[in-house]
Amino acid sequence: MKYTALPNSGLEVPALSLGSYETYSRLEYREIVDIVSTALEAGITLFDVAHYTRAPHTEVILSRALEDAGAPDTTRVMTKVWKGDDPDADVVSELKETLFRLRRDDVDIVLLYGPRWGVDDPIRHAEDARRLVDAGLSKSWGGINWSPQHIGSVVDAFRADAAPLPVLMQLKYNIARRAVAESPEYRRVFAESGMKVQASDSLEGGVLAGKDPAGAGTTGRVLGRDPGRIRDEIVAAMPGIRAIADGFGVTTAELALAYALAYEHTATVLFGASSVAQLRTNLGAVDLATRHGAELREKLTEAVAIEGHTLDVPPGSIVRPEENPYRDR
């Protein structure tokens, strides 16, 4: 397993992190422990979890599964605070409840959902993450779906105030969803802050692994939002993607994960697994990215010219049609 040091944190994260939406909530418990055990054996040391209203016991399941799998003390756990639609929500109480369910004193990384456009002040919003780190409830913090302008302004303000800088930004990033993470504006923020990408939805909810999106609801699999409404185009591009995967002698899932891994600003790719066999197959993406990352990215960038992906703007935002998420700060 390859590891990346996160600046401003003292943490190292593995190339692959396990979790994703509701991963620990739709399998038999023995299967979950087997998956966690296999991940640990492979060197996956970062597990993503959150409190979901649809699956309210997820944190409890992960905590017990890590214990039953014999996870070492060096295992990293990251979680999220949502705040919902309440700008005055108490994130300290929210994270403490998560820690109670996880049976932990702290987490290694807490991710804060981006500020609502036209509603929240980004710097004031980020102060919630600072409070969680200052309170000793999390060792570091990052974001989910922030615009580069918003997180850039926070980096500037926090650096001037000697406050903890964000270490990760979780963004939808895959073969077809390149426009946000690879934008010049985000590249500049990464270069200035040292912040890294945690790529999510790199398999597009299973679509890039060859699964039929129409069958997701019958299997318990949940597809994420489709910013830019390009999922149908991704499905249509699958024959070409499959041909490239065949050329490398790998599955389309390995190819898709390797694409995200080979991006220069990616620290870790978050994915889910519904079986040990699926997990073991996906592990091949690390070696594939190491050996052929530049080549496969070139082939896929040329073959999959899908435009239209946009930032997954936080719910409750007030967005004007002409507003550009990448305008200079």
C-alpha atoms as a PDB file:
ATOM      1  CA  MET A   1       0.000   0.000   0.000  1.00  0.00           C
ATOM      2  CA  LYS A   2       1.209   3.480  -0.823  1.00  0.00           C
ATOM      3  CA  TYR A   3       0.917   6.226   1.812  1.00  0.00           C
ATOM      4  CA  THR A   4       0.888  10.016   1.582  1.00  0.00           C
ATOM      5  CA  ALA A   5       1.829  12.424   4.355  1.00  0.00           C
ATOM      6  CA  LEU A   6      -0.746  15.153   4.883  1.00  0.00           C
ATOM      7  CA  PRO A   7       0.878  18.528   5.502  1.00  0.00           C
ATOM      8  CA  ASN A   8       0.001  20.392   8.703  1.00  0.00           C
ATOM      9  CA  SER A   9      -1.194  17.215  10.417  1.00  0.00           C
ATOM     10  CA  GLY A  10       1.508  14.644  11.070  1.00  0.00           C
ATOM     11  CA  LEU A  11      -0.812  12.045   9.514  1.00  0.00           C
ATOM     12  CA  GLU A  12      -0.152   9.561   6.740  1.00  0.00           C
ATOM     13  CA  VAL A  13      -3.079   8.199   4.745  1.00  0.00           C
ATOM     14  CA  PRO A  14      -3.230   5.130   2.499  1.00  0.00           C
ATOM     15  CA  ALA A  15      -3.865   5.392  -1.229  1.00  0.00           C
ATOM     16  CA  LEU A  16      -7.207   3.670  -0.684  1.00  0.00           C
ATOM     17  CA  SER A  17      -9.591   4.466   2.169  1.00  0.00           C
ATOM     18  CA  LEU A  18     -12.653   2.404   2.968  1.00  0.00           C
ATOM     19  CA  GLY A  19     -16.097   3.666   3.764  1.00  0.00           C
ATOM     20  CA  SER A  20     -18.262   5.488   1.316  1.00  0.00           C
ATOM     21  CA  TYR A  21     -21.969   6.016   1.719  1.00  0.00           C
ATOM     22  CA  GLU A  22     -23.630   3.426   3.973  1.00  0.00           C
ATOM     23  CA  THR A  23     -20.952   0.773   3.352  1.00  0.00           C
ATOM     24  CA  TYR A  24     -21.313  -0.637   6.836  1.00  0.00           C
ATOM     25  CA  SER A  25     -25.108  -0.671   6.913  1.00  0.00           C
ATOM     26  CA  ARG A  26     -26.375  -3.106   4.268  1.00  0.00           C
ATOM     27  CA  LEU A  27     -24.373  -6.310   4.788  1.00  0.00           C
ATOM     28  CA  GLU A  28     -24.442  -9.138   7.279  1.00  0.00           C
ATOM     29  CA  TYR A  29     -22.162  -8.258  10.176  1.00  0.00           C
ATOM     30  CA  ARG A  30     -19.774 -11.193   9.551  1.00  0.00           C
ATOM     31  CA  GLU A  31     -19.267  -9.938   5.995  1.00  0.00           C
ATOM     32  CA  ILE A  32     -18.434  -6.459   7.287  1.00  0.00           C
ATOM     33  CA  VAL A  33     -15.808  -7.837   9.686  1.00  0.00           C
ATOM     34  CA  ASP A  34     -14.289  -9.926   6.889  1.00  0.00           C
ATOM     35  CA  ILE A  35     -14.085  -6.861   4.632  1.00  0.00           C
ATOM     36  CA  VAL A  36     -12.527  -4.725   7.374  1.00  0.00           C
ATOM     37  CA  SER A  37     -10.045  -7.502   8.224  1.00  0.00           C
ATOM     38  CA  THR A  38      -9.022  -7.863   4.574  1.00  0.00           C
ATOM     39  CA  ALA A  39      -8.629  -4.090   4.244  1.00  0.00           C
ATOM     40  CA  LEU A  40      -6.386  -3.947   7.303  1.00  0.00           C
ATOM     41  CA  GLU A  41      -4.262  -6.830   6.023  1.00  0.00           C
ATOM     42  CA  ALA A  42      -3.818  -4.952   2.735  1.00  0.00           C
ATOM     43  CA  GLY A  43      -2.602  -1.823   4.534  1.00  0.00           C
ATOM     44  CA  ILE A  44      -5.795   0.229   4.399  1.00  0.00           C
ATOM     45  CA  THR A  45      -5.539   2.227   7.604  1.00  0.00           C
ATOM     46  CA  LEU A  46      -8.136   4.954   7.031  1.00  0.00           C
ATOM     47  CA  PHE A  47     -11.845   4.278   7.527  1.00  0.00           C
ATOM     48  CA  ASP A  48     -14.506   6.829   6.671  1.00  0.00           C
ATOM     49  CA  VAL A  49     -17.780   6.978   8.563  1.00  0.00           C
ATOM     50  CA  ALA A  50     -20.544   9.434   9.374  1.00  0.00           C
ATOM     51  CA  HIS A  51     -23.928   9.625  11.032  1.00  0.00           C
ATOM     52  CA  TYR A  52     -26.647   8.957   8.480  1.00  0.00           C
ATOM     53  CA  THR A  53     -30.304   9.388   9.307  1.00  0.00           C
ATOM     54  CA  ARG A  54     -31.092   6.477   6.969  1.00  0.00           C
ATOM     55  CA  ALA A  55     -28.563   4.246   8.749  1.00  0.00           C
ATOM     56  CA  PRO A  56     -28.211   5.663  12.270  1.00  0.00           C
ATOM     57  CA  HIS A  57     -26.109   2.806  13.681  1.00  0.00           C
ATOM     58  CA  THR A  58     -23.320   2.997  11.106  1.00  0.00           C
ATOM     59  CA  GLU A  59     -20.714   4.338  13.547  1.00  0.00           C
ATOM     60  CA  VAL A  60     -21.533   1.622  16.084  1.00  0.00           C
ATOM     61  CA  ILE A  61     -21.139  -1.078  13.434  1.00  0.00           C
ATOM     62  CA  LEU A  62     -17.765   0.247  12.270  1.00  0.00           C
ATOM     63  CA  SER A  63     -16.478   0.587  15.826  1.00  0.00           C
ATOM     64  CA  ARG A  64     -17.328  -2.999  16.664  1.00  0.00           C
ATOM     65  CA  ALA A  65     -16.068  -4.294  13.306  1.00  0.00           C
ATOM     66  CA  LEU A  66     -12.679  -2.633  13.840  1.00  0.00           C
ATOM     67  CA  GLU A  67     -12.509  -4.191  17.287  1.00  0.00           C
ATOM     68  CA  ASP A  68     -13.506  -7.655  16.061  1.00  0.00           C
ATOM     69  CA  ALA A  69     -11.037  -7.378  13.165  1.00  0.00           C
ATOM     70  CA  GLY A  70      -8.220  -6.641  15.603  1.00  0.00           C
ATOM     71  CA  ALA A  71      -7.487  -3.164  14.232  1.00  0.00           C
ATOM     72  CA  PRO A  72      -4.241  -1.735  15.663  1.00  0.00           C
ATOM     73  CA  ASP A  73      -4.160   1.539  17.559  1.00  0.00           C
ATOM     74  CA  THR A  74      -2.623   3.206  14.500  1.00  0.00           C
ATOM     75  CA  THR A  75      -5.850   2.743  12.505  1.00  0.00           C
ATOM     76  CA  ARG A  76      -7.240   6.101  11.386  1.00  0.00           C
ATOM     77  CA  VAL A  77     -10.909   7.074  11.507  1.00  0.00           C
ATOM     78  CA  MET A  78     -12.423  10.077   9.793  1.00  0.00           C
ATOM     79  CA  THR A  79     -15.956  11.389  10.068  1.00  0.00           C
ATOM     80  CA  LYS A  80     -18.125  14.310   9.045  1.00  0.00           C
ATOM     81  CA  VAL A  81     -20.221  16.989  10.687  1.00  0.00           C
ATOM     82  CA  TRP A  82     -23.224  18.033   8.662  1.00  0.00           C
ATOM     83  CA  LYS A  83     -24.900  20.957  10.507  1.00  0.00           C
ATOM     84  CA  GLY A  84     -27.899  20.473   8.257  1.00  0.00           C
ATOM     85  CA  ASP A  85     -29.716  23.694   7.476  1.00  0.00           C
ATOM     86  CA  ASP A  86     -28.980  25.263  10.848  1.00  0.00           C
ATOM     87  CA  PRO A  87     -26.026  27.690  10.722  1.00  0.00           C
ATOM     88  CA  ASP A  88     -26.020  27.765  14.523  1.00  0.00           C
ATOM     89  CA  ALA A  89     -25.911  23.978  14.990  1.00  0.00           C
ATOM     90  CA  ASP A  90     -23.534  22.871  17.729  1.00  0.00           C
ATOM     91  CA  VAL A  91     -20.885  20.862  15.920  1.00  0.00           C
ATOM     92  CA  VAL A  92     -19.095  20.082  19.193  1.00  0.00           C
ATOM     93  CA  SER A  93     -22.154  18.252  20.504  1.00  0.00           C
ATOM     94  CA  GLU A  94     -22.624  16.579  17.119  1.00  0.00           C
ATOM     95  CA  LEU A  95     -19.074  15.233  17.053  1.00  0.00           C
ATOM     96  CA  LYS A  96     -19.220  14.173  20.687  1.00  0.00           C
ATOM     97  CA  GLU A  97     -22.263  12.043  19.869  1.00  0.00           C
ATOM     98  CA  THR A  98     -20.356  10.446  16.994  1.00  0.00           C
ATOM     99  CA  LEU A  99     -17.402   9.760  19.295  1.00  0.00           C
ATOM    100  CA  PHE A 100     -19.772   8.151  21.802  1.00  0.00           C
ATOM    101  CA  ARG A 101     -21.041   5.817  19.084  1.00  0.00           C
ATOM    102  CA  LEU A 102     -17.490   5.105  17.908  1.00  0.00           C
ATOM    103  CA  ARG A 103     -16.216   4.606  21.472  1.00  0.00           C
ATOM    104  CA  ARG A 104     -13.315   6.972  20.812  1.00  0.00           C
ATOM    105  CA  ASP A 105     -11.953  10.104  22.445  1.00  0.00           C
ATOM    106  CA  ASP A 106     -11.209  11.704  19.090  1.00  0.00           C
ATOM    107  CA  VAL A 107     -11.036  11.112  15.349  1.00  0.00           C
ATOM    108  CA  ASP A 108      -8.069  11.698  13.096  1.00  0.00           C
ATOM    109  CA  ILE A 109      -9.839  13.884  10.526  1.00  0.00           C
ATOM    110  CA  VAL A 110     -13.203  15.601  10.649  1.00  0.00           C
ATOM    111  CA  LEU A 111     -14.718  16.829   7.385  1.00  0.00           C
ATOM    112  CA  LEU A 112     -16.924  19.898   7.351  1.00  0.00           C
ATOM    113  CA  TYR A 113     -19.481  20.254   4.573  1.00  0.00           C
ATOM    114  CA  GLY A 114     -18.913  23.381   2.506  1.00  0.00           C
ATOM    115  CA  PRO A 115     -20.721  26.640   3.313  1.00  0.00           C
ATOM    116  CA  ARG A 116     -24.023  27.285   1.597  1.00  0.00           C
ATOM    117  CA  TRP A 117     -23.509  29.761  -1.211  1.00  0.00           C
ATOM    118  CA  GLY A 118     -25.156  33.080  -0.562  1.00  0.00           C
ATOM    119  CA  VAL A 119     -26.011  32.064   3.020  1.00  0.00           C
ATOM    120  CA  ASP A 120     -22.919  31.235   5.098  1.00  0.00           C
ATOM    121  CA  ASP A 121     -19.733  33.211   5.539  1.00  0.00           C
ATOM    122  CA  PRO A 122     -16.913  30.768   4.637  1.00  0.00           C
ATOM    123  CA  ILE A 123     -14.465  31.883   7.320  1.00  0.00           C
ATOM    124  CA  ARG A 124     -17.074  31.886  10.062  1.00  0.00           C
ATOM    125  CA  HIS A 125     -18.238  28.506   8.787  1.00  0.00           C
ATOM    126  CA  ALA A 126     -14.705  27.098   9.005  1.00  0.00           C
ATOM    127  CA  GLU A 127     -14.393  28.292  12.593  1.00  0.00           C
ATOM    128  CA  ASP A 128     -16.538  25.284  13.496  1.00  0.00           C
ATOM    129  CA  ALA A 129     -13.769  22.966  12.285  1.00  0.00           C
ATOM    130  CA  ARG A 130     -11.227  24.987  14.231  1.00  0.00           C
ATOM    131  CA  ARG A 131     -13.332  24.579  17.378  1.00  0.00           C
ATOM    132  CA  LEU A 132     -13.350  20.802  16.946  1.00  0.00           C
ATOM    133  CA  VAL A 133      -9.569  20.643  16.590  1.00  0.00           C
ATOM    134  CA  ASP A 134      -8.973  23.101  19.435  1.00  0.00           C
ATOM    135  CA  ALA A 135     -11.292  21.051  21.668  1.00  0.00           C
ATOM    136  CA  GLY A 136      -9.199  17.946  21.038  1.00  0.00           C
ATOM    137  CA  LEU A 137     -12.078  16.104  19.360  1.00  0.00           C
ATOM    138  CA  SER A 138     -10.237  15.750  16.057  1.00  0.00           C
ATOM    139  CA  LYS A 139      -6.550  15.806  15.204  1.00  0.00           C
ATOM    140  CA  SER A 140      -7.132  17.646  11.917  1.00  0.00           C
ATOM    141  CA  TRP A 141      -9.861  18.833   9.590  1.00  0.00           C
ATOM    142  CA  GLY A 142     -10.853  18.972   5.970  1.00  0.00           C
ATOM    143  CA  GLY A 143     -13.838  19.807   3.814  1.00  0.00           C
ATOM    144  CA  ILE A 144     -16.478  18.356   1.521  1.00  0.00           C
ATOM    145  CA  ASN A 145     -17.488  20.123  -1.688  1.00  0.00           C
ATOM    146  CA  TRP A 146     -16.100  23.564  -0.938  1.00  0.00           C
ATOM    147  CA  SER A 147     -15.585  25.885  -3.873  1.00  0.00           C
ATOM    148  CA  PRO A 148     -11.914  26.769  -4.412  1.00  0.00           C
ATOM    149  CA  GLN A 149     -12.743  30.402  -3.722  1.00  0.00           C
ATOM    150  CA  HIS A 150     -14.311  29.618  -0.350  1.00  0.00           C
ATOM    151  CA  ILE A 151     -11.620  27.249   0.897  1.00  0.00           C
ATOM    152  CA  GLY A 152      -8.921  29.532  -0.501  1.00  0.00           C
ATOM    153  CA  SER A 153     -10.213  32.439   1.554  1.00  0.00           C
ATOM    154  CA  VAL A 154     -10.201  30.224   4.656  1.00  0.00           C
ATOM    155  CA  VAL A 155      -6.617  29.123   4.003  1.00  0.00           C
ATOM    156  CA  ASP A 156      -5.550  32.776   3.736  1.00  0.00           C
ATOM    157  CA  ALA A 157      -7.356  33.768   6.934  1.00  0.00           C
ATOM    158  CA  PHE A 158      -6.318  30.734   8.976  1.00  0.00           C
ATOM    159  CA  ARG A 159      -2.677  30.984   7.939  1.00  0.00           C
ATOM    160  CA  ALA A 160      -2.609  34.632   9.028  1.00  0.00           C
ATOM    161  CA  ASP A 161      -4.140  33.628  12.368  1.00  0.00           C
ATOM    162  CA  ALA A 162      -1.893  30.554  12.851  1.00  0.00           C
ATOM    163  CA  ALA A 163      -5.029  28.384  12.901  1.00  0.00           C
ATOM    164  CA  PRO A 164      -5.020  24.739  11.728  1.00  0.00           C
ATOM    165  CA  LEU A 165      -5.207  24.515   7.945  1.00  0.00           C
ATOM    166  CA  PRO A 166      -7.389  21.991   6.115  1.00  0.00           C
ATOM    167  CA  VAL A 167      -5.562  18.794   5.171  1.00  0.00           C
ATOM    168  CA  LEU A 168      -8.065  17.097   2.830  1.00  0.00           C
ATOM    169  CA  MET A 169     -10.852  18.117   0.487  1.00  0.00           C
ATOM    170  CA  GLN A 170     -13.338  15.400  -0.406  1.00  0.00           C
ATOM    171  CA  LEU A 171     -14.557  15.974  -3.955  1.00  0.00           C
ATOM    172  CA  LYS A 172     -16.444  13.935  -6.514  1.00  0.00           C
ATOM    173  CA  TYR A 173     -13.643  12.933  -8.859  1.00  0.00           C
ATOM    174  CA  ASN A 174     -13.524  10.262 -11.515  1.00  0.00           C
ATOM    175  CA  ILE A 175     -12.832   9.608 -15.196  1.00  0.00           C
ATOM    176  CA  ALA A 176     -15.695  11.887 -16.248  1.00  0.00           C
ATOM    177  CA  ARG A 177     -15.862  14.253 -13.280  1.00  0.00           C
ATOM    178  CA  ARG A 178     -12.597  16.115 -13.739  1.00  0.00           C
ATOM    179  CA  ALA A 179     -13.624  19.744 -14.048  1.00  0.00           C
ATOM    180  CA  VAL A 180     -13.672  20.605 -10.342  1.00  0.00           C
ATOM    181  CA  ALA A 181     -10.612  18.916  -8.842  1.00  0.00           C
ATOM    182  CA  GLU A 182      -8.469  19.618 -11.915  1.00  0.00           C
ATOM    183  CA  SER A 183      -9.548  23.241 -12.324  1.00  0.00           C
ATOM    184  CA  PRO A 184      -6.739  25.836 -12.346  1.00  0.00           C
ATOM    185  CA  GLU A 185      -8.376  27.489  -9.352  1.00  0.00           C
ATOM    186  CA  TYR A 186      -8.312  24.344  -7.247  1.00  0.00           C
ATOM    187  CA  ARG A 187      -4.805  23.462  -8.410  1.00  0.00           C
ATOM    188  CA  ARG A 188      -3.686  26.842  -7.087  1.00  0.00           C
ATOM    189  CA  VAL A 189      -5.285  26.217  -3.702  1.00  0.00           C
ATOM    190  CA  PHE A 190      -3.625  22.794  -3.476  1.00  0.00           C
ATOM    191  CA  ALA A 191      -0.244  24.293  -4.319  1.00  0.00           C
ATOM    192  CA  GLU A 192      -0.594  27.151  -1.844  1.00  0.00           C
ATOM    193  CA  SER A 193      -1.977  25.171   1.097  1.00  0.00           C
ATOM    194  CA  GLY A 194      -0.590  21.654   0.704  1.00  0.00           C
ATOM    195  CA  MET A 195      -4.149  20.364   1.043  1.00  0.00           C
ATOM    196  CA  LYS A 196      -4.801  17.081  -0.774  1.00  0.00           C
ATOM    197  CA  VAL A 197      -7.784  15.501  -2.501  1.00  0.00           C
ATOM    198  CA  GLN A 198      -9.793  12.637  -1.121  1.00  0.00           C
ATOM    199  CA  ALA A 199     -11.511  11.414  -4.258  1.00  0.00           C
ATOM    200  CA  SER A 200     -15.062  10.190  -3.743  1.00  0.00           C
ATOM    201  CA  ASP A 201     -17.559   8.698  -6.193  1.00  0.00           C
ATOM    202  CA  SER A 202     -14.609   7.463  -8.234  1.00  0.00           C
ATOM    203  CA  LEU A 203     -16.739   4.506  -9.331  1.00  0.00           C
ATOM    204  CA  GLU A 204     -19.810   6.695  -9.902  1.00  0.00           C
ATOM    205  CA  GLY A 205     -21.882   4.586  -7.535  1.00  0.00           C
ATOM    206  CA  GLY A 206     -20.804   1.400  -9.311  1.00  0.00           C
ATOM    207  CA  VAL A 207     -21.471   2.630 -12.845  1.00  0.00           C
ATOM    208  CA  LEU A 208     -17.751   2.698 -13.658  1.00  0.00           C
ATOM    209  CA  ALA A 209     -17.491  -0.823 -12.260  1.00  0.00           C
ATOM    210  CA  GLY A 210     -19.997  -1.951 -14.869  1.00  0.00           C
ATOM    211  CA  LYS A 211     -23.118  -1.941 -12.706  1.00  0.00           C
ATOM    212  CA  ASP A 212     -26.459  -0.827 -14.089  1.00  0.00           C
ATOM    213  CA  PRO A 213     -27.554   2.419 -12.395  1.00  0.00           C
ATOM    214  CA  ALA A 214     -31.194   1.447 -12.940  1.00  0.00           C
ATOM    215  CA  GLY A 215     -30.777  -1.464 -10.535  1.00  0.00           C
ATOM    216  CA  ALA A 216     -29.298   0.477  -7.657  1.00  0.00           C
ATOM    217  CA  GLY A 217     -32.531   0.866  -5.729  1.00  0.00           C
ATOM    218  CA  THR A 218     -33.251  -2.868  -5.721  1.00  0.00           C
ATOM    219  CA  THR A 219     -29.850  -3.851  -4.305  1.00  0.00           C
ATOM    220  CA  GLY A 220     -29.599  -1.315  -1.520  1.00  0.00           C
ATOM    221  CA  ARG A 221     -26.856   0.522  -3.409  1.00  0.00           C
ATOM    222  CA  VAL A 222     -27.298   4.301  -3.216  1.00  0.00           C
ATOM    223  CA  LEU A 223     -26.198   6.574  -6.038  1.00  0.00           C
ATOM    224  CA  GLY A 224     -24.902  10.001  -5.118  1.00  0.00           C
ATOM    225  CA  ARG A 225     -26.141  13.228  -6.629  1.00  0.00           C
ATOM    226  CA  ASP A 226     -25.389  13.885 -10.292  1.00  0.00           C
ATOM    227  CA  PRO A 227     -24.120  17.493 -10.510  1.00  0.00           C
ATOM    228  CA  GLY A 228     -24.161  18.601 -14.118  1.00  0.00           C
ATOM    229  CA  ARG A 229     -26.489  15.699 -15.001  1.00  0.00           C
ATOM    230  CA  ILE A 230     -23.825  13.739 -16.879  1.00  0.00           C
ATOM    231  CA  ARG A 231     -24.473  10.204 -15.549  1.00  0.00           C
ATOM    232  CA  ASP A 232     -26.231   9.084 -18.730  1.00  0.00           C
ATOM    233  CA  GLU A 233     -23.181  10.194 -20.707  1.00  0.00           C
ATOM    234  CA  ILE A 234     -20.943   8.191 -18.366  1.00  0.00           C
ATOM    235  CA  VAL A 235     -23.069   5.088 -18.959  1.00  0.00           C
ATOM    236  CA  ALA A 236     -22.834   5.678 -22.709  1.00  0.00           C
ATOM    237  CA  ALA A 237     -19.028   5.956 -22.465  1.00  0.00           C
ATOM    238  CA  MET A 238     -18.646   2.570 -20.754  1.00  0.00           C
ATOM    239  CA  PRO A 239     -17.850   0.535 -23.924  1.00  0.00           C
ATOM    240  CA  GLY A 240     -14.843   2.759 -24.612  1.00  0.00           C
ATOM    241  CA  ILE A 241     -13.757   2.647 -20.981  1.00  0.00           C
ATOM    242  CA  ARG A 242     -14.105  -1.136 -20.977  1.00  0.00           C
ATOM    243  CA  ALA A 243     -11.935  -1.389 -24.077  1.00  0.00           C
ATOM    244  CA  ILE A 244      -9.166   0.601 -22.382  1.00  0.00           C
ATOM    245  CA  ALA A 245      -9.450  -1.568 -19.266  1.00  0.00           C
ATOM    246  CA  ASP A 246      -9.161  -4.679 -21.419  1.00  0.00           C
ATOM    247  CA  GLY A 247      -6.000  -3.244 -22.947  1.00  0.00           C
ATOM    248  CA  PHE A 248      -4.432  -3.082 -19.500  1.00  0.00           C
ATOM    249  CA  GLY A 249      -5.842  -6.473 -18.503  1.00  0.00           C
ATOM    250  CA  VAL A 250      -7.846  -5.038 -15.586  1.00  0.00           C
ATOM    251  CA  THR A 251     -11.445  -4.438 -14.574  1.00  0.00           C
ATOM    252  CA  THR A 252     -13.106  -1.090 -15.225  1.00  0.00           C
ATOM    253  CA  ALA A 253     -13.269  -0.607 -11.451  1.00  0.00           C
ATOM    254  CA  GLU A 254      -9.488  -0.937 -11.122  1.00  0.00           C
ATOM    255  CA  LEU A 255      -9.045   1.419 -14.064  1.00  0.00           C
ATOM    256  CA  ALA A 256     -11.355   4.051 -12.585  1.00  0.00           C
ATOM    257  CA  LEU A 257      -9.734   3.921  -9.147  1.00  0.00           C
ATOM    258  CA  ALA A 258      -6.260   4.078 -10.702  1.00  0.00           C
ATOM    259  CA  TYR A 259      -7.272   7.151 -12.719  1.00  0.00           C
ATOM    260  CA  ALA A 260      -8.182   9.016  -9.537  1.00  0.00           C
ATOM    261  CA  LEU A 261      -5.108   7.738  -7.690  1.00  0.00           C
ATOM    262  CA  ALA A 262      -2.755   8.938 -10.412  1.00  0.00           C
ATOM    263  CA  TYR A 263      -3.856  12.575 -10.138  1.00  0.00           C
ATOM    264  CA  GLU A 264      -0.947  14.492  -8.658  1.00  0.00           C
ATOM    265  CA  HIS A 265      -3.022  16.095  -5.873  1.00  0.00           C
ATOM    266  CA  THR A 266      -4.809  12.914  -4.756  1.00  0.00           C
ATOM    267  CA  ALA A 267      -3.806  11.535  -1.358  1.00  0.00           C
ATOM    268  CA  THR A 268      -6.473   8.843  -1.032  1.00  0.00           C
ATOM    269  CA  VAL A 269      -9.422   7.439  -2.951  1.00  0.00           C
ATOM    270  CA  LEU A 270     -12.509   6.596  -0.918  1.00  0.00           C
ATOM    271  CA  PHE A 271     -14.442   3.558  -2.029  1.00  0.00           C
ATOM    272  CA  GLY A 272     -16.956   1.073  -0.733  1.00  0.00           C
ATOM    273  CA  ALA A 273     -17.002  -2.694  -0.964  1.00  0.00           C
ATOM    274  CA  SER A 274     -19.845  -5.174  -0.683  1.00  0.00           C
ATOM    275  CA  SER A 275     -17.666  -8.303  -0.636  1.00  0.00           C
ATOM    276  CA  VAL A 276     -14.122  -9.426   0.114  1.00  0.00           C
ATOM    277  CA  ALA A 277     -13.700 -10.446  -3.528  1.00  0.00           C
ATOM    278  CA  GLN A 278     -14.637  -6.955  -4.701  1.00  0.00           C
ATOM    279  CA  LEU A 279     -12.230  -5.390  -2.220  1.00  0.00           C
ATOM    280  CA  ARG A 280      -9.349  -7.610  -3.346  1.00  0.00           C
ATOM    281  CA  THR A 281      -9.976  -6.773  -6.986  1.00  0.00           C
ATOM    282  CA  ASN A 282     -10.019  -3.044  -6.262  1.00  0.00           C
ATOM    283  CA  LEU A 283      -6.704  -3.260  -4.419  1.00  0.00           C
ATOM    284  CA  GLY A 284      -5.081  -3.842  -7.791  1.00  0.00           C
ATOM    285  CA  ALA A 285      -5.677  -0.180  -8.612  1.00  0.00           C
ATOM    286  CA  VAL A 286      -2.726   0.904  -6.454  1.00  0.00           C
ATOM    287  CA  ASP A 287      -0.172  -1.060  -8.451  1.00  0.00           C
ATOM    288  CA  LEU A 288      -1.887  -0.127 -11.712  1.00  0.00           C
ATOM    289  CA  ALA A 289      -1.627   3.587 -10.903  1.00  0.00           C
ATOM    290  CA  THR A 290       2.019   3.219  -9.906  1.00  0.00           C
ATOM    291  CA  ARG A 291       2.988   1.373 -13.082  1.00  0.00           C
ATOM    292  CA  HIS A 292       0.734   2.938 -15.702  1.00  0.00           C
ATOM    293  CA  GLY A 293      -0.859   6.034 -14.145  1.00  0.00           C
ATOM    294  CA  ALA A 294       0.312   8.586 -16.699  1.00  0.00           C
ATOM    295  CA  GLU A 295      -0.483   6.323 -19.656  1.00  0.00           C
ATOM    296  CA  LEU A 296      -3.983   5.371 -18.566  1.00  0.00           C
ATOM    297  CA  ARG A 297      -4.840   8.954 -17.659  1.00  0.00           C
ATOM    298  CA  GLU A 298      -3.770  10.089 -21.120  1.00  0.00           C
ATOM    299  CA  LYS A 299      -5.835   7.407 -22.826  1.00  0.00           C
ATOM    300  CA  LEU A 300      -8.929   8.060 -20.712  1.00  0.00           C
ATOM    301  CA  THR A 301      -8.708  11.842 -20.972  1.00  0.00           C
ATOM    302  CA  GLU A 302      -8.693  11.512 -24.749  1.00  0.00           C
ATOM    303  CA  ALA A 303     -11.413   8.851 -24.915  1.00  0.00           C
ATOM    304  CA  VAL A 304     -13.850  10.242 -22.338  1.00  0.00           C
ATOM    305  CA  ALA A 305     -14.451  13.868 -23.270  1.00  0.00           C
ATOM    306  CA  ILE A 306     -17.506  14.470 -21.099  1.00  0.00           C
ATOM    307  CA  GLU A 307     -18.086  18.051 -20.073  1.00  0.00           C
ATOM    308  CA  GLY A 308     -20.676  19.514 -17.755  1.00  0.00           C
ATOM    309  CA  HIS A 309     -19.604  18.226 -14.345  1.00  0.00           C
ATOM    310  CA  THR A 310     -20.029  20.975 -11.774  1.00  0.00           C
ATOM    311  CA  LEU A 311     -19.285  21.399  -8.095  1.00  0.00           C
ATOM    312  CA  ASP A 312     -21.729  19.526  -5.880  1.00  0.00           C
ATOM    313  CA  VAL A 313     -23.024  22.736  -4.313  1.00  0.00           C
ATOM    314  CA  PRO A 314     -24.076  22.280  -0.662  1.00  0.00           C
ATOM    315  CA  PRO A 315     -27.853  21.962  -0.166  1.00  0.00           C
ATOM    316  CA  GLY A 316     -29.614  25.150   0.863  1.00  0.00           C
ATOM    317  CA  SER A 317     -27.356  27.346  -1.274  1.00  0.00           C
ATOM    318  CA  ILE A 318     -28.650  30.380  -3.090  1.00  0.00           C
ATOM    319  CA  VAL A 319     -26.896  30.221  -6.450  1.00  0.00           C
ATOM    320  CA  ARG A 320     -27.347  32.813  -9.150  1.00  0.00           C
ATOM    321  CA  PRO A 321     -27.259  31.401 -12.693  1.00  0.00           C
ATOM    322  CA  GLU A 322     -24.264  33.554 -13.594  1.00  0.00           C
ATOM    323  CA  GLU A 323     -22.296  32.722 -10.435  1.00  0.00           C
ATOM    324  CA  ASN A 324     -18.920  31.135 -11.083  1.00  0.00           C
ATOM    325  CA  PRO A 325     -17.620  28.845  -8.300  1.00  0.00           C
ATOM    326  CA  TYR A 326     -14.051  29.431  -9.492  1.00  0.00           C
ATOM    327  CA  ARG A 327     -13.935  33.211  -9.486  1.00  0.00           C
ATOM    328  CA  ASP A 328     -10.790  34.689  -8.001  1.00  0.00           C
ATOM    329  CA  ARG A 329     -10.722  35.300  -4.289  1.00  0.00           C
END
